[in-house]
C-alpha atoms as a PDB file:
ATOM      1  CA  MET A   1       0.296  -0.263  -0.047  1.00  0.00           C
ATOM      2  CA  LYS A   2       3.223   2.280   1.236  1.00  0.00           C
ATOM      3  CA  SER A   3       4.533   1.970  -2.717  1.00  0.00           C
ATOM      4  CA  ARG A   4       0.916   2.597  -4.348  1.00  0.00           C
ATOM      5  CA  ILE A   5       0.785   5.689  -2.354  1.00  0.00           C
ATOM      6  CA  PHE A   6       4.316   6.587  -2.800  1.00  0.00           C
ATOM      7  CA  TYR A   7       3.830   5.896  -7.027  1.00  0.00           C
ATOM      8  CA  VAL A   8       0.733   7.730  -6.830  1.00  0.00           C
ATOM      9  CA  PHE A   9       2.815  10.964  -5.117  1.00  0.00           C
ATOM     10  CA  ILE A  10       5.719  10.475  -7.943  1.00  0.00           C
ATOM     11  CA  LEU A  11       3.299  10.762 -10.713  1.00  0.00           C
ATOM     12  CA  LEU A  12       1.809  13.688  -9.663  1.00  0.00           C
ATOM     13  CA  ILE A  13       5.269  15.944  -9.808  1.00  0.00           C
ATOM     14  CA  PHE A  14       6.093  14.913 -12.532  1.00  0.00           C
ATOM     15  CA  TYR A  15       2.711  15.438 -14.157  1.00  0.00           C
ATOM     16  CA  SER A  16       3.110  19.164 -12.033  1.00  0.00           C
ATOM     17  CA  CYS A  17       6.393  20.052 -13.287  1.00  0.00           C
ATOM     18  CA  SER A  18       5.528  19.124 -17.028  1.00  0.00           C
ATOM     19  CA  VAL A  19       1.985  21.536 -16.979  1.00  0.00           C
ATOM     20  CA  ASN A  20       4.225  23.508 -15.965  1.00  0.00           C
ATOM     21  CA  LYS A  21       6.704  23.478 -17.852  1.00  0.00           C
ATOM     22  CA  SER A  22       4.097  24.210 -20.910  1.00  0.00           C
ATOM     23  CA  SER A  23       2.664  26.902 -19.781  1.00  0.00           C
ATOM     24  CA  ASN A  24       6.245  28.889 -20.153  1.00  0.00           C
ATOM     25  CA  VAL A  25       5.435  30.478 -23.359  1.00  0.00           C
ATOM     26  CA  PRO A  26       9.814  30.995 -24.882  1.00  0.00           C
ATOM     27  CA  VAL A  27      10.231  34.869 -25.291  1.00  0.00           C
ATOM     28  CA  GLN A  28      11.482  34.229 -29.086  1.00  0.00           C
ATOM     29  CA  ASP A  29       7.720  33.003 -29.617  1.00  0.00           C
ATOM     30  CA  GLU A  30       5.573  36.336 -27.769  1.00  0.00           C
ATOM     31  CA  ILE A  31       7.844  38.677 -29.060  1.00  0.00           C
ATOM     32  CA  ASP A  32       9.170  40.772 -32.077  1.00  0.00           C
ATOM     33  CA  LEU A  33      12.357  42.673 -33.401  1.00  0.00           C
ATOM     34  CA  SER A  34      11.371  43.803 -36.022  1.00  0.00           C
ATOM     35  CA  PHE A  35       9.248  46.062 -37.429  1.00  0.00           C
ATOM     36  CA  LYS A  36       6.619  45.770 -40.509  1.00  0.00           C
ATOM     37  CA  SER A  37       3.898  46.989 -41.200  1.00  0.00           C
ATOM     38  CA  PHE A  38       0.541  47.555 -39.779  1.00  0.00           C
ATOM     39  CA  THR A  39      -0.841  45.444 -41.919  1.00  0.00           C
ATOM     40  CA  GLU A  40       1.439  42.152 -41.468  1.00  0.00           C
ATOM     41  CA  ILE A  41       1.157  42.788 -37.789  1.00  0.00           C
ATOM     42  CA  LYS A  42      -2.447  42.480 -37.940  1.00  0.00           C
ATOM     43  CA  LYS A  43      -2.176  39.714 -39.953  1.00  0.00           C
ATOM     44  CA  GLU A  44       0.057  37.742 -37.935  1.00  0.00           C
ATOM     45  CA  GLU A  45      -2.237  38.906 -34.360  1.00  0.00           C
ATOM     46  CA  ILE A  46      -5.548  37.637 -36.140  1.00  0.00           C
ATOM     47  CA  GLY A  47      -3.231  34.152 -36.979  1.00  0.00           C
ATOM     48  CA  LYS A  48      -3.111  34.071 -33.289  1.00  0.00           C
ATOM     49  CA  LYS A  49      -6.337  34.240 -32.207  1.00  0.00           C
ATOM     50  CA  SER A  50      -5.736  37.325 -30.181  1.00  0.00           C
ATOM     51  CA  LYS A  51      -8.429  38.998 -28.763  1.00  0.00           C
ATOM     52  CA  ASP A  52      -8.094  42.858 -30.166  1.00  0.00           C
ATOM     53  CA  ILE A  53      -8.717  45.001 -27.262  1.00  0.00           C
ATOM     54  CA  THR A  54      -8.054  48.759 -29.018  1.00  0.00           C
ATOM     55  CA  LEU A  55      -9.079  51.303 -26.681  1.00  0.00           C
ATOM     56  CA  GLY A  56     -10.876  53.324 -29.233  1.00  0.00           C
ATOM     57  CA  TYR A  57      -9.499  56.596 -28.305  1.00  0.00           C
ATOM     58  CA  PHE A  58      -5.764  57.979 -28.295  1.00  0.00           C
ATOM     59  CA  TRP A  59      -2.932  57.403 -25.723  1.00  0.00           C
ATOM     60  CA  GLY A  60       0.063  58.527 -25.185  1.00  0.00           C
ATOM     61  CA  ILE A  61       3.109  57.404 -24.306  1.00  0.00           C
ATOM     62  CA  GLY A  62       5.826  59.580 -22.472  1.00  0.00           C
ATOM     63  CA  GLU A  63       9.225  61.091 -22.731  1.00  0.00           C
ATOM     64  CA  ASP A  64      11.220  58.092 -20.685  1.00  0.00           C
ATOM     65  CA  ILE A  65       9.627  55.519 -22.979  1.00  0.00           C
ATOM     66  CA  TYR A  66       9.949  56.848 -26.068  1.00  0.00           C
ATOM     67  CA  PRO A  67      11.816  59.914 -26.345  1.00  0.00           C
ATOM     68  CA  THR A  68      11.081  60.779 -30.211  1.00  0.00           C
ATOM     69  CA  PHE A  69       7.369  60.186 -30.142  1.00  0.00           C
ATOM     70  CA  GLU A  70       6.260  64.110 -29.941  1.00  0.00           C
ATOM     71  CA  LYS A  71       7.926  63.851 -33.546  1.00  0.00           C
ATOM     72  CA  HIS A  72       5.321  60.947 -35.442  1.00  0.00           C
ATOM     73  CA  THR A  73       1.726  61.663 -35.421  1.00  0.00           C
ATOM     74  CA  PHE A  74       0.273  58.662 -34.752  1.00  0.00           C
ATOM     75  CA  GLU A  75      -2.844  56.569 -35.578  1.00  0.00           C
ATOM     76  CA  ILE A  76      -4.800  55.167 -32.933  1.00  0.00           C
ATOM     77  CA  PRO A  77      -2.866  53.007 -30.904  1.00  0.00           C
ATOM     78  CA  LYS A  78      -3.854  48.979 -31.945  1.00  0.00           C
ATOM     79  CA  SER A  79      -3.526  46.747 -29.051  1.00  0.00           C
ATOM     80  CA  TYR A  80      -4.190  43.162 -28.940  1.00  0.00           C
ATOM     81  CA  GLN A  81      -4.250  39.914 -26.001  1.00  0.00           C
ATOM     82  CA  ARG A  82      -3.042  36.800 -26.429  1.00  0.00           C
ATOM     83  CA  ASN A  83      -3.631  33.855 -23.591  1.00  0.00           C
ATOM     84  CA  GLU A  84      -0.428  32.914 -22.939  1.00  0.00           C
ATOM     85  CA  ASN A  85      -1.339  30.382 -20.038  1.00  0.00           C
ATOM     86  CA  ASN A  86       0.862  31.939 -17.066  1.00  0.00           C
ATOM     87  CA  PHE A  87       0.555  35.175 -18.204  1.00  0.00           C
ATOM     88  CA  ILE A  88      -1.741  37.315 -20.615  1.00  0.00           C
ATOM     89  CA  LEU A  89       0.255  39.397 -23.112  1.00  0.00           C
ATOM     90  CA  LYS A  90      -1.172  42.696 -24.008  1.00  0.00           C
ATOM     91  CA  VAL A  91       0.741  43.944 -26.930  1.00  0.00           C
ATOM     92  CA  ASP A  92       0.040  47.812 -28.107  1.00  0.00           C
ATOM     93  CA  TYR A  93       0.797  48.889 -31.453  1.00  0.00           C
ATOM     94  CA  PHE A  94       1.826  53.167 -32.077  1.00  0.00           C
ATOM     95  CA  PHE A  95       1.942  53.366 -36.282  1.00  0.00           C
ATOM     96  CA  THR A  96       1.474  56.112 -38.566  1.00  0.00           C
ATOM     97  CA  LYS A  97      -0.881  56.613 -41.321  1.00  0.00           C
ATOM     98  CA  ASP A  98       1.043  54.682 -43.623  1.00  0.00           C
ATOM     99  CA  ASP A  99       1.411  51.619 -41.323  1.00  0.00           C
ATOM    100  CA  GLN A 100       4.820  51.923 -40.169  1.00  0.00           C
ATOM    101  CA  THR A 101       5.064  50.882 -37.179  1.00  0.00           C
ATOM    102  CA  LYS A 102       7.158  52.699 -34.286  1.00  0.00           C
ATOM    103  CA  PHE A 103       6.574  51.382 -31.056  1.00  0.00           C
ATOM    104  CA  LYS A 104       5.290  48.519 -29.049  1.00  0.00           C
ATOM    105  CA  LEU A 105       5.028  47.873 -26.355  1.00  0.00           C
ATOM    106  CA  TYR A 106       4.750  44.317 -24.854  1.00  0.00           C
ATOM    107  CA  GLU A 107       2.844  43.622 -21.449  1.00  0.00           C
ATOM    108  CA  TRP A 108       3.078  40.508 -19.089  1.00  0.00           C
ATOM    109  CA  ASN A 109       0.324  40.192 -16.170  1.00  0.00           C
ATOM    110  CA  GLU A 110      -0.736  37.133 -14.245  1.00  0.00           C
ATOM    111  CA  ASN A 111      -3.166  35.111 -15.718  1.00  0.00           C
ATOM    112  CA  GLY A 112      -6.759  35.686 -13.635  1.00  0.00           C
ATOM    113  CA  LYS A 113      -7.881  31.325 -14.312  1.00  0.00           C
ATOM    114  CA  ASN A 114      -3.883  30.989 -12.331  1.00  0.00           C
ATOM    115  CA  GLU A 115      -2.097  32.327  -9.499  1.00  0.00           C
ATOM    116  CA  VAL A 116       0.943  33.129 -10.942  1.00  0.00           C
ATOM    117  CA  ALA A 117       4.390  32.730  -7.973  1.00  0.00           C
ATOM    118  CA  HIS A 118       6.527  35.203  -8.266  1.00  0.00           C
ATOM    119  CA  SER A 119       8.909  32.874  -8.889  1.00  0.00           C
ATOM    120  CA  LEU A 120       7.505  32.608 -12.148  1.00  0.00           C
ATOM    121  CA  PHE A 121       7.458  36.952 -12.946  1.00  0.00           C
ATOM    122  CA  ASP A 122      11.330  36.555 -11.991  1.00  0.00           C
ATOM    123  CA  GLU A 123      11.906  33.790 -14.690  1.00  0.00           C
ATOM    124  CA  LYS A 124      10.090  35.394 -17.550  1.00  0.00           C
ATOM    125  CA  PHE A 125      11.954  38.611 -16.782  1.00  0.00           C
ATOM    126  CA  TYR A 126      15.666  36.904 -16.944  1.00  0.00           C
ATOM    127  CA  GLU A 127      14.332  35.338 -19.805  1.00  0.00           C
ATOM    128  CA  ILE A 128      13.605  38.622 -21.366  1.00  0.00           C
ATOM    129  CA  LYS A 129      16.755  40.182 -20.419  1.00  0.00           C
ATOM    130  CA  LYS A 130      18.870  37.606 -22.126  1.00  0.00           C
ATOM    131  CA  TYR A 131      16.923  37.262 -24.922  1.00  0.00           C
ATOM    132  CA  ILE A 132      17.168  41.134 -25.649  1.00  0.00           C
ATOM    133  CA  THR A 133      21.193  40.965 -24.505  1.00  0.00           C
ATOM    134  CA  GLN A 134      21.611  38.215 -27.248  1.00  0.00           C
ATOM    135  CA  LYS A 135      19.916  40.122 -30.136  1.00  0.00           C
ATOM    136  CA  LEU A 136      20.822  44.029 -28.798  1.00  0.00           C
ATOM    137  CA  GLY A 137      23.689  43.688 -27.615  1.00  0.00           C
ATOM    138  CA  LYS A 138      24.955  44.213 -23.580  1.00  0.00           C
ATOM    139  CA  PRO A 139      22.491  46.796 -22.092  1.00  0.00           C
ATOM    140  CA  TYR A 140      24.020  50.881 -21.147  1.00  0.00           C
ATOM    141  CA  LEU A 141      21.381  50.905 -18.024  1.00  0.00           C
ATOM    142  CA  GLU A 142      20.353  48.570 -15.231  1.00  0.00           C
ATOM    143  CA  VAL A 143      18.570  49.989 -11.913  1.00  0.00           C
ATOM    144  CA  TYR A 144      17.582  47.295  -9.479  1.00  0.00           C
ATOM    145  CA  GLU A 145      15.104  48.201  -6.853  1.00  0.00           C
ATOM    146  CA  ASP A 146      14.823  46.303  -3.220  1.00  0.00           C
ATOM    147  CA  LEU A 147      11.048  46.336  -2.311  1.00  0.00           C
ATOM    148  CA  GLU A 148      11.945  45.206   1.182  1.00  0.00           C
ATOM    149  CA  LYS A 149      13.882  49.044   2.221  1.00  0.00           C
ATOM    150  CA  SER A 150      11.860  50.955  -0.285  1.00  0.00           C
ATOM    151  CA  LYS A 151       8.836  53.544   1.215  1.00  0.00           C
ATOM    152  CA  GLU A 152       7.477  52.845  -1.205  1.00  0.00           C
ATOM    153  CA  GLU A 153       4.417  50.029  -2.285  1.00  0.00           C
ATOM    154  CA  THR A 154       5.243  49.681  -5.844  1.00  0.00           C
ATOM    155  CA  VAL A 155       9.443  49.254  -7.632  1.00  0.00           C
ATOM    156  CA  ARG A 156      10.194  50.103 -10.662  1.00  0.00           C
ATOM    157  CA  ASP A 157      13.295  47.767 -12.194  1.00  0.00           C
ATOM    158  CA  ASP A 158      14.418  49.190 -15.324  1.00  0.00           C
ATOM    159  CA  ILE A 159      16.630  47.504 -18.194  1.00  0.00           C
ATOM    160  CA  LYS A 160      17.536  49.782 -21.604  1.00  0.00           C
ATOM    161  CA  TRP A 161      19.591  48.835 -24.530  1.00  0.00           C
ATOM    162  CA  GLN A 162      20.077  50.850 -27.518  1.00  0.00           C
ATOM    163  CA  SER A 163      21.615  49.954 -30.602  1.00  0.00           C
ATOM    164  CA  LYS A 164      22.109  51.375 -34.335  1.00  0.00           C
ATOM    165  CA  ASN A 165      18.734  50.211 -35.211  1.00  0.00           C
ATOM    166  CA  LEU A 166      16.678  49.247 -31.962  1.00  0.00           C
ATOM    167  CA  ASN A 167      16.477  50.612 -28.479  1.00  0.00           C
ATOM    168  CA  ALA A 168      14.979  48.426 -26.055  1.00  0.00           C
ATOM    169  CA  ASN A 169      13.479  49.681 -22.124  1.00  0.00           C
ATOM    170  CA  LEU A 170      12.368  46.462 -19.544  1.00  0.00           C
ATOM    171  CA  PHE A 171      10.790  47.049 -16.680  1.00  0.00           C
ATOM    172  CA  ARG A 172       9.995  45.170 -14.149  1.00  0.00           C
ATOM    173  CA  PHE A 173       7.312  46.285 -11.527  1.00  0.00           C
ATOM    174  CA  ARG A 174       7.032  44.925  -7.919  1.00  0.00           C
ATOM    175  CA  GLY A 175       4.323  45.403  -5.401  1.00  0.00           C
ATOM    176  CA  LYS A 176       4.419  45.113  -1.846  1.00  0.00           C
ATOM    177  CA  GLY A 177       1.201  43.918  -1.499  1.00  0.00           C
ATOM    178  CA  GLY A 178       1.753  40.722  -4.018  1.00  0.00           C
ATOM    179  CA  PHE A 179       1.662  42.836  -7.318  1.00  0.00           C
ATOM    180  CA  ASP A 180       3.894  42.144 -10.563  1.00  0.00           C
ATOM    181  CA  GLN A 181       4.218  43.052 -13.730  1.00  0.00           C
ATOM    182  CA  ILE A 182       7.364  43.494 -16.807  1.00  0.00           C
ATOM    183  CA  ARG A 183       6.268  45.897 -19.358  1.00  0.00           C
ATOM    184  CA  LEU A 184       8.856  45.667 -22.583  1.00  0.00           C
ATOM    185  CA  ALA A 185       8.847  48.947 -24.749  1.00  0.00           C
ATOM    186  CA  ILE A 186      10.594  48.759 -28.209  1.00  0.00           C
ATOM    187  CA  TYR A 187      10.605  51.265 -30.845  1.00  0.00           C
ATOM    188  CA  CYS A 188      13.298  51.891 -34.068  1.00  0.00           C
ATOM    189  CA  ASP A 189      14.280  55.776 -33.915  1.00  0.00           C
END
């Protein structure tokens, strides 16, 4: 009887590990560093069965995230949501009247159906950092805040890259109440 219980216990462990592993989508399948026309991007999002969650009105990005934002005239930004198992991934696209995509904002949030452990946000954050570093080189800025020592309820970690053709800003928001969110801003000018 003890051996049967042990056997069932081992099976449950292997099953939970395999389920958890398959729930994390690799970043190279989530992040597109190319800047295609928005028409092409829209087709890809539809092909991924992403949900259009566009707000329907114009909203902007601060200069600290996208320094050349004011130099462009954008259409209403389009937003898509991808349910990525452990996370819900939202992607915002800023594009011009002539269909040029200039700015992308990726945002990973907790999937309301599954509780996402703090460690999974850590893994995703460092997986994104590693991927962007492989593609763009070493970041020129890395700032990490200590949540435990902070007087604020929420802290923000920043990593920034700049290459000849592409810029990327990775943000991690962490809160004392368990809040976790990751954002990646990418722009090409």
